[in-house]
């Protein structure tokens, strides 16, 4: 019984860590593209 709980916790942590990694992997390029588009189109600073 103890081993089953351990495997469930490990699987859950793997899913949570993978989800966070995917979020960063997807959101970072999207945010940079959005800021670049605003810089080119409207002349807004990329750091604002």
C-alpha atoms as a PDB file:
ATOM      1  CA  UNK A   1       0.000   0.000   0.000  1.00  0.00           C
ATOM      2  CA  UNK A   2       2.834   2.369   0.820  1.00  0.00           C
ATOM      3  CA  UNK A   3       4.416   1.809  -2.618  1.00  0.00           C
ATOM      4  CA  UNK A   4       1.186   2.687  -4.430  1.00  0.00           C
ATOM      5  CA  UNK A   5       0.957   6.016  -2.606  1.00  0.00           C
ATOM      6  CA  UNK A   6       4.581   6.769  -3.463  1.00  0.00           C
ATOM      7  CA  UNK A   7       3.995   6.092  -7.156  1.00  0.00           C
ATOM      8  CA  UNK A   8       0.892   8.278  -7.169  1.00  0.00           C
ATOM      9  CA  UNK A   9       2.777  11.158  -5.552  1.00  0.00           C
ATOM     10  CA  UNK A  10       5.689  10.802  -7.992  1.00  0.00           C
ATOM     11  CA  UNK A  11       3.320  10.745 -10.980  1.00  0.00           C
ATOM     12  CA  UNK A  12       1.439  13.795  -9.660  1.00  0.00           C
ATOM     13  CA  UNK A  13       4.644  15.758  -9.134  1.00  0.00           C
ATOM     14  CA  UNK A  14       5.818  14.812 -12.624  1.00  0.00           C
ATOM     15  CA  UNK A  15       2.578  16.087 -14.135  1.00  0.00           C
ATOM     16  CA  UNK A  16       2.693  19.328 -12.141  1.00  0.00           C
ATOM     17  CA  UNK A  17       6.339  19.940 -13.050  1.00  0.00           C
ATOM     18  CA  UNK A  18       5.712  19.114 -16.686  1.00  0.00           C
ATOM     19  CA  UNK A  19       2.740  21.477 -16.792  1.00  0.00           C
ATOM     20  CA  UNK A  20       4.771  24.336 -15.362  1.00  0.00           C
ATOM     21  CA  UNK A  21       7.575  23.669 -17.830  1.00  0.00           C
ATOM     22  CA  UNK A  22       5.158  23.627 -20.770  1.00  0.00           C
ATOM     23  CA  UNK A  23       3.589  26.884 -19.593  1.00  0.00           C
ATOM     24  CA  UNK A  24       6.987  28.609 -19.499  1.00  0.00           C
ATOM     25  CA  UNK A  25       8.032  27.052 -22.810  1.00  0.00           C
ATOM     26  CA  UNK A  26       4.905  28.351 -24.556  1.00  0.00           C
ATOM     27  CA  UNK A  27       4.331  31.673 -22.794  1.00  0.00           C
ATOM     28  CA  UNK A  28       7.849  33.092 -23.061  1.00  0.00           C
ATOM     29  CA  UNK A  29       8.049  33.185 -26.899  1.00  0.00           C
ATOM     30  CA  UNK A  30       4.428  34.386 -27.114  1.00  0.00           C
ATOM     31  CA  UNK A  31       5.132  37.252 -24.709  1.00  0.00           C
ATOM     32  CA  UNK A  32       8.293  38.238 -26.579  1.00  0.00           C
ATOM     33  CA  UNK A  33       6.460  38.171 -29.932  1.00  0.00           C
ATOM     34  CA  UNK A  34       3.633  40.287 -28.497  1.00  0.00           C
ATOM     35  CA  UNK A  35       6.084  42.867 -27.117  1.00  0.00           C
ATOM     36  CA  UNK A  36       8.009  42.944 -30.403  1.00  0.00           C
ATOM     37  CA  UNK A  37       4.777  43.447 -32.341  1.00  0.00           C
ATOM     38  CA  UNK A  38       3.814  46.367 -30.062  1.00  0.00           C
ATOM     39  CA  UNK A  39       7.306  47.867 -30.475  1.00  0.00           C
ATOM     40  CA  UNK A  40       7.147  47.685 -34.278  1.00  0.00           C
ATOM     41  CA  UNK A  41       3.516  48.722 -34.741  1.00  0.00           C
ATOM     42  CA  UNK A  42       3.018  51.338 -32.015  1.00  0.00           C
ATOM     43  CA  UNK A  43       6.535  52.291 -30.950  1.00  0.00           C
ATOM     44  CA  UNK A  44       5.847  51.257 -27.336  1.00  0.00           C
ATOM     45  CA  UNK A  45       8.890  50.335 -25.259  1.00  0.00           C
ATOM     46  CA  UNK A  46       9.454  46.622 -24.838  1.00  0.00           C
ATOM     47  CA  UNK A  47      10.223  47.198 -21.150  1.00  0.00           C
ATOM     48  CA  UNK A  48       6.992  49.006 -20.227  1.00  0.00           C
END
